[in-house]
C-alpha cells in the first residue's frame, strides 16, 4: 500500500504520480496565479464546469490537482484520481493558509421531503443543494433534516485526513417518521 503525503493529508491506499508530488512542493498560501504558472511550467485555464472542486485544474496520469484561487491568490487544493472500477477517489480539500480540511457532502432524499430544512452543525443552509456537493468542515459534523409532519432526522460524521473527500449520505423513506402529536 502506497501513501501519498500532501500537506497534512495522508491519502491512504492511493498512489500519486511523481509529477503530482512535484506540483505539490510548489503550493503555498496566497501564491499568485502567475507565480504558480512560472514556477510549475503549467499554464492554468479557469474552470467553471466543476467549480465545487476548484477554480483551476492540472490533469495527468488519471490524476487531477484542483486548485482554488480567490482574488488571484492560491487558497486550497484537492486531488482526484480515477481508480478503475472503484470510481474516482476525491481527497479532502486542504486550506494552504490554515491547514484545515473540508469535505464535499452529497445528501440525497426520498420523495416527500421537498422543501425540507437542512442544518449543518446547527446552522441552517438556505436552499440546500440536494444531490450536489456541499462543503463541510473536517471534525465532527452534524446534519439535521427537518420537514413539517415528520420527526427531525440527524446524521453525525467524524471526518479526518484518512477519510475520502467526498461523503455521500442518503435519507430514505424508512427514515421518515410521523411527527409526534401532543
C-alpha atoms as a PDB file:
ATOM      1  CA  UNK A   1       0.000   0.000   0.000  1.00  0.00           C
ATOM      2  CA  UNK A   2       1.436   3.352  -1.019  1.00  0.00           C
ATOM      3  CA  UNK A   3       0.954   6.517   0.962  1.00  0.00           C
ATOM      4  CA  UNK A   4       0.886   9.907  -0.693  1.00  0.00           C
ATOM      5  CA  UNK A   5       1.692  12.798   1.598  1.00  0.00           C
ATOM      6  CA  UNK A   6       0.039  16.088   0.643  1.00  0.00           C
ATOM      7  CA  UNK A   7       0.308  18.672   3.410  1.00  0.00           C
ATOM      8  CA  UNK A   8      -1.389  17.291   6.467  1.00  0.00           C
ATOM      9  CA  UNK A   9      -3.384  14.870   4.334  1.00  0.00           C
ATOM     10  CA  UNK A  10      -2.401  11.216   4.158  1.00  0.00           C
ATOM     11  CA  UNK A  11      -4.215   9.664   1.237  1.00  0.00           C
ATOM     12  CA  UNK A  12      -4.150   6.040   2.327  1.00  0.00           C
ATOM     13  CA  UNK A  13      -4.017   3.391  -0.422  1.00  0.00           C
ATOM     14  CA  UNK A  14      -3.756   5.988  -3.185  1.00  0.00           C
ATOM     15  CA  UNK A  15      -0.519   6.137  -5.130  1.00  0.00           C
ATOM     16  CA  UNK A  16       0.206   9.586  -6.556  1.00  0.00           C
ATOM     17  CA  UNK A  17       2.440  10.064  -9.614  1.00  0.00           C
ATOM     18  CA  UNK A  18       5.817  11.772  -9.301  1.00  0.00           C
ATOM     19  CA  UNK A  19       4.681  14.873 -11.228  1.00  0.00           C
ATOM     20  CA  UNK A  20       1.853  15.441  -8.722  1.00  0.00           C
ATOM     21  CA  UNK A  21       4.319  15.389  -5.809  1.00  0.00           C
ATOM     22  CA  UNK A  22       6.479  17.918  -7.691  1.00  0.00           C
ATOM     23  CA  UNK A  23       3.490  20.237  -8.171  1.00  0.00           C
ATOM     24  CA  UNK A  24       2.544  19.874  -4.524  1.00  0.00           C
ATOM     25  CA  UNK A  25       6.010  21.007  -3.413  1.00  0.00           C
ATOM     26  CA  UNK A  26       5.326  24.372  -5.107  1.00  0.00           C
ATOM     27  CA  UNK A  27       1.995  25.129  -3.425  1.00  0.00           C
ATOM     28  CA  UNK A  28       1.838  27.859  -0.799  1.00  0.00           C
ATOM     29  CA  UNK A  29      -0.790  30.084   0.788  1.00  0.00           C
ATOM     30  CA  UNK A  30      -1.648  33.201  -1.235  1.00  0.00           C
ATOM     31  CA  UNK A  31       0.691  32.278  -4.106  1.00  0.00           C
ATOM     32  CA  UNK A  32      -0.313  34.418  -7.097  1.00  0.00           C
ATOM     33  CA  UNK A  33      -1.599  32.522 -10.117  1.00  0.00           C
ATOM     34  CA  UNK A  34       1.141  33.846 -12.414  1.00  0.00           C
ATOM     35  CA  UNK A  35       3.861  32.832  -9.915  1.00  0.00           C
ATOM     36  CA  UNK A  36       2.463  29.295  -9.811  1.00  0.00           C
ATOM     37  CA  UNK A  37       2.422  29.118 -13.611  1.00  0.00           C
ATOM     38  CA  UNK A  38       6.015  30.400 -13.868  1.00  0.00           C
ATOM     39  CA  UNK A  39       7.359  28.014 -11.200  1.00  0.00           C
ATOM     40  CA  UNK A  40       5.427  24.929 -12.287  1.00  0.00           C
ATOM     41  CA  UNK A  41       5.549  25.258 -16.047  1.00  0.00           C
ATOM     42  CA  UNK A  42       1.767  24.655 -16.141  1.00  0.00           C
ATOM     43  CA  UNK A  43      -0.462  27.252 -17.760  1.00  0.00           C
ATOM     44  CA  UNK A  44      -3.759  27.211 -15.904  1.00  0.00           C
ATOM     45  CA  UNK A  45      -7.094  27.875 -17.547  1.00  0.00           C
ATOM     46  CA  UNK A  46     -10.111  28.850 -15.448  1.00  0.00           C
ATOM     47  CA  UNK A  47     -12.501  26.005 -14.629  1.00  0.00           C
ATOM     48  CA  UNK A  48     -16.211  26.681 -14.427  1.00  0.00           C
ATOM     49  CA  UNK A  49     -17.592  23.222 -15.235  1.00  0.00           C
ATOM     50  CA  UNK A  50     -16.806  21.716 -11.817  1.00  0.00           C
ATOM     51  CA  UNK A  51     -16.466  24.808  -9.629  1.00  0.00           C
ATOM     52  CA  UNK A  52     -17.066  22.826  -6.423  1.00  0.00           C
ATOM     53  CA  UNK A  53     -13.682  21.136  -6.984  1.00  0.00           C
ATOM     54  CA  UNK A  54     -11.596  24.191  -7.809  1.00  0.00           C
ATOM     55  CA  UNK A  55     -11.141  27.264  -9.960  1.00  0.00           C
ATOM     56  CA  UNK A  56      -8.250  25.691 -11.936  1.00  0.00           C
ATOM     57  CA  UNK A  57      -7.112  22.123 -12.672  1.00  0.00           C
ATOM     58  CA  UNK A  58      -3.932  20.307 -13.714  1.00  0.00           C
ATOM     59  CA  UNK A  59      -4.505  16.899 -15.333  1.00  0.00           C
ATOM     60  CA  UNK A  60      -2.275  13.913 -15.990  1.00  0.00           C
ATOM     61  CA  UNK A  61      -1.958  10.146 -15.412  1.00  0.00           C
ATOM     62  CA  UNK A  62      -5.598   9.752 -14.264  1.00  0.00           C
ATOM     63  CA  UNK A  63      -4.909  12.337 -11.539  1.00  0.00           C
ATOM     64  CA  UNK A  64      -6.301  15.863 -11.306  1.00  0.00           C
ATOM     65  CA  UNK A  65      -4.999  18.538  -8.948  1.00  0.00           C
ATOM     66  CA  UNK A  66      -7.783  21.047  -8.338  1.00  0.00           C
ATOM     67  CA  UNK A  67      -6.591  24.463  -7.172  1.00  0.00           C
ATOM     68  CA  UNK A  68      -8.815  27.146  -5.679  1.00  0.00           C
ATOM     69  CA  UNK A  69      -7.672  30.714  -6.235  1.00  0.00           C
ATOM     70  CA  UNK A  70      -9.508  33.647  -4.636  1.00  0.00           C
ATOM     71  CA  UNK A  71      -8.733  37.123  -5.954  1.00  0.00           C
ATOM     72  CA  UNK A  72      -5.795  35.624  -7.868  1.00  0.00           C
ATOM     73  CA  UNK A  73      -4.265  34.067  -4.718  1.00  0.00           C
ATOM     74  CA  UNK A  74      -3.958  30.311  -4.109  1.00  0.00           C
ATOM     75  CA  UNK A  75      -6.008  29.210  -1.091  1.00  0.00           C
ATOM     76  CA  UNK A  76      -6.550  25.459  -1.269  1.00  0.00           C
ATOM     77  CA  UNK A  77      -6.315  22.272  -3.284  1.00  0.00           C
ATOM     78  CA  UNK A  78      -7.837  18.840  -3.574  1.00  0.00           C
ATOM     79  CA  UNK A  79      -6.874  15.797  -5.589  1.00  0.00           C
ATOM     80  CA  UNK A  80      -8.880  13.334  -7.618  1.00  0.00           C
ATOM     81  CA  UNK A  81      -7.722  10.025  -9.033  1.00  0.00           C
ATOM     82  CA  UNK A  82      -9.511   7.621 -11.342  1.00  0.00           C
ATOM     83  CA  UNK A  83      -9.401   4.194  -9.699  1.00  0.00           C
ATOM     84  CA  UNK A  84     -10.829   1.902 -12.377  1.00  0.00           C
ATOM     85  CA  UNK A  85     -13.981   0.077 -11.332  1.00  0.00           C
ATOM     86  CA  UNK A  86     -13.862   1.763  -7.889  1.00  0.00           C
ATOM     87  CA  UNK A  87     -14.654   5.140  -9.455  1.00  0.00           C
ATOM     88  CA  UNK A  88     -12.942   8.396  -8.571  1.00  0.00           C
ATOM     89  CA  UNK A  89     -11.124   8.978  -5.305  1.00  0.00           C
ATOM     90  CA  UNK A  90     -11.505  12.560  -4.028  1.00  0.00           C
ATOM     91  CA  UNK A  91      -9.164  13.808  -1.299  1.00  0.00           C
ATOM     92  CA  UNK A  92     -10.278  16.244   1.378  1.00  0.00           C
ATOM     93  CA  UNK A  93      -9.690  19.888   0.389  1.00  0.00           C
ATOM     94  CA  UNK A  94      -6.659  21.309   2.190  1.00  0.00           C
ATOM     95  CA  UNK A  95      -6.609  25.005   3.003  1.00  0.00           C
ATOM     96  CA  UNK A  96      -2.991  26.047   2.450  1.00  0.00           C
ATOM     97  CA  UNK A  97      -3.331  29.065   4.751  1.00  0.00           C
ATOM     98  CA  UNK A  98      -4.863  27.344   7.795  1.00  0.00           C
ATOM     99  CA  UNK A  99      -4.213  23.631   7.228  1.00  0.00           C
ATOM    100  CA  UNK A 100      -7.939  22.970   7.732  1.00  0.00           C
ATOM    101  CA  UNK A 101      -9.590  20.142   5.811  1.00  0.00           C
ATOM    102  CA  UNK A 102     -13.040  20.330   4.237  1.00  0.00           C
ATOM    103  CA  UNK A 103     -15.143  17.634   2.612  1.00  0.00           C
ATOM    104  CA  UNK A 104     -17.789  17.507  -0.108  1.00  0.00           C
ATOM    105  CA  UNK A 105     -21.101  16.167   1.206  1.00  0.00           C
ATOM    106  CA  UNK A 106     -23.762  14.818  -1.158  1.00  0.00           C
ATOM    107  CA  UNK A 107     -27.078  14.279   0.575  1.00  0.00           C
ATOM    108  CA  UNK A 108     -29.984  12.562  -1.180  1.00  0.00           C
ATOM    109  CA  UNK A 109     -33.617  12.465  -0.085  1.00  0.00           C
ATOM    110  CA  UNK A 110     -36.766  10.481  -0.867  1.00  0.00           C
ATOM    111  CA  UNK A 111     -39.912  11.840  -2.463  1.00  0.00           C
ATOM    112  CA  UNK A 112     -41.897  13.729   0.160  1.00  0.00           C
ATOM    113  CA  UNK A 113     -39.022  15.731   1.627  1.00  0.00           C
ATOM    114  CA  UNK A 114     -39.152  18.533  -0.920  1.00  0.00           C
ATOM    115  CA  UNK A 115     -38.826  21.815   0.930  1.00  0.00           C
ATOM    116  CA  UNK A 116     -37.075  20.202   3.916  1.00  0.00           C
ATOM    117  CA  UNK A 117     -34.854  22.421   6.045  1.00  0.00           C
ATOM    118  CA  UNK A 118     -31.237  21.290   6.407  1.00  0.00           C
ATOM    119  CA  UNK A 119     -28.785  22.484   9.031  1.00  0.00           C
ATOM    120  CA  UNK A 120     -25.093  21.660   9.289  1.00  0.00           C
ATOM    121  CA  UNK A 121     -23.550  21.980  12.748  1.00  0.00           C
ATOM    122  CA  UNK A 122     -26.564  23.983  13.909  1.00  0.00           C
ATOM    123  CA  UNK A 123     -26.583  26.498  11.045  1.00  0.00           C
ATOM    124  CA  UNK A 124     -29.496  26.324   8.612  1.00  0.00           C
ATOM    125  CA  UNK A 125     -28.467  26.079   4.973  1.00  0.00           C
ATOM    126  CA  UNK A 126     -30.912  28.026   2.827  1.00  0.00           C
ATOM    127  CA  UNK A 127     -31.611  26.255  -0.459  1.00  0.00           C
ATOM    128  CA  UNK A 128     -29.596  23.124   0.369  1.00  0.00           C
ATOM    129  CA  UNK A 129     -28.221  21.596  -2.877  1.00  0.00           C
ATOM    130  CA  UNK A 130     -29.747  18.096  -2.630  1.00  0.00           C
ATOM    131  CA  UNK A 131     -27.625  15.589  -4.564  1.00  0.00           C
ATOM    132  CA  UNK A 132     -24.961  18.189  -5.380  1.00  0.00           C
ATOM    133  CA  UNK A 133     -21.775  18.759  -3.377  1.00  0.00           C
ATOM    134  CA  UNK A 134     -21.920  20.933  -0.266  1.00  0.00           C
ATOM    135  CA  UNK A 135     -18.650  21.721   1.522  1.00  0.00           C
ATOM    136  CA  UNK A 136     -18.472  20.818   5.230  1.00  0.00           C
ATOM    137  CA  UNK A 137     -15.605  21.189   7.721  1.00  0.00           C
ATOM    138  CA  UNK A 138     -13.484  18.328   8.975  1.00  0.00           C
ATOM    139  CA  UNK A 139     -14.025  17.054  12.504  1.00  0.00           C
ATOM    140  CA  UNK A 140     -17.461  16.437  13.998  1.00  0.00           C
ATOM    141  CA  UNK A 141     -20.274  17.242  11.584  1.00  0.00           C
ATOM    142  CA  UNK A 142     -23.983  17.049  12.390  1.00  0.00           C
ATOM    143  CA  UNK A 143     -26.535  17.169   9.581  1.00  0.00           C
ATOM    144  CA  UNK A 144     -30.154  17.714  10.624  1.00  0.00           C
ATOM    145  CA  UNK A 145     -33.111  17.491   8.248  1.00  0.00           C
ATOM    146  CA  UNK A 146     -36.492  18.875   9.293  1.00  0.00           C
ATOM    147  CA  UNK A 147     -39.798  18.843   7.454  1.00  0.00           C
ATOM    148  CA  UNK A 148     -43.310  19.614   8.666  1.00  0.00           C
ATOM    149  CA  UNK A 149     -45.159  16.417   9.522  1.00  0.00           C
ATOM    150  CA  UNK A 150     -42.002  14.376  10.248  1.00  0.00           C
ATOM    151  CA  UNK A 151     -39.660  13.930  13.174  1.00  0.00           C
ATOM    152  CA  UNK A 152     -36.225  15.504  12.613  1.00  0.00           C
ATOM    153  CA  UNK A 153     -33.578  13.251  11.053  1.00  0.00           C
ATOM    154  CA  UNK A 154     -29.998  13.605  12.291  1.00  0.00           C
ATOM    155  CA  UNK A 155     -26.783  12.178  10.853  1.00  0.00           C
ATOM    156  CA  UNK A 156     -23.406  12.565  12.534  1.00  0.00           C
ATOM    157  CA  UNK A 157     -19.994  12.175  10.933  1.00  0.00           C
ATOM    158  CA  UNK A 158     -16.440  12.492  12.191  1.00  0.00           C
ATOM    159  CA  UNK A 159     -14.200  13.408   9.249  1.00  0.00           C
ATOM    160  CA  UNK A 160     -10.411  13.486   9.235  1.00  0.00           C
ATOM    161  CA  UNK A 161      -7.455  13.178   6.844  1.00  0.00           C
ATOM    162  CA  UNK A 162      -7.993   9.414   6.499  1.00  0.00           C
ATOM    163  CA  UNK A 163     -11.484   9.869   5.056  1.00  0.00           C
ATOM    164  CA  UNK A 164     -12.371  10.351   1.407  1.00  0.00           C
ATOM    165  CA  UNK A 165     -13.025  13.966   0.485  1.00  0.00           C
ATOM    166  CA  UNK A 166     -16.473  13.175  -0.902  1.00  0.00           C
ATOM    167  CA  UNK A 167     -19.054  11.809   1.510  1.00  0.00           C
ATOM    168  CA  UNK A 168     -22.481  10.539   0.418  1.00  0.00           C
ATOM    169  CA  UNK A 169     -25.441  10.249   2.770  1.00  0.00           C
ATOM    170  CA  UNK A 170     -28.959   9.126   1.951  1.00  0.00           C
ATOM    171  CA  UNK A 171     -32.151   9.948   3.732  1.00  0.00           C
ATOM    172  CA  UNK A 172     -34.539   7.122   2.839  1.00  0.00           C
ATOM    173  CA  UNK A 173     -38.276   6.652   3.178  1.00  0.00           C
ATOM    174  CA  UNK A 174     -37.519   4.320   6.134  1.00  0.00           C
ATOM    175  CA  UNK A 175     -36.059   7.376   7.951  1.00  0.00           C
ATOM    176  CA  UNK A 176     -39.371   9.260   7.706  1.00  0.00           C
ATOM    177  CA  UNK A 177     -41.314   9.017  10.941  1.00  0.00           C
ATOM    178  CA  UNK A 178     -44.531  10.969  11.524  1.00  0.00           C
ATOM    179  CA  UNK A 179     -44.218  13.885  13.917  1.00  0.00           C
ATOM    180  CA  UNK A 180     -45.354  13.200  17.426  1.00  0.00           C
ATOM    181  CA  UNK A 181     -48.616  14.930  18.270  1.00  0.00           C
ATOM    182  CA  UNK A 182     -49.184  16.339  21.720  1.00  0.00           C
END
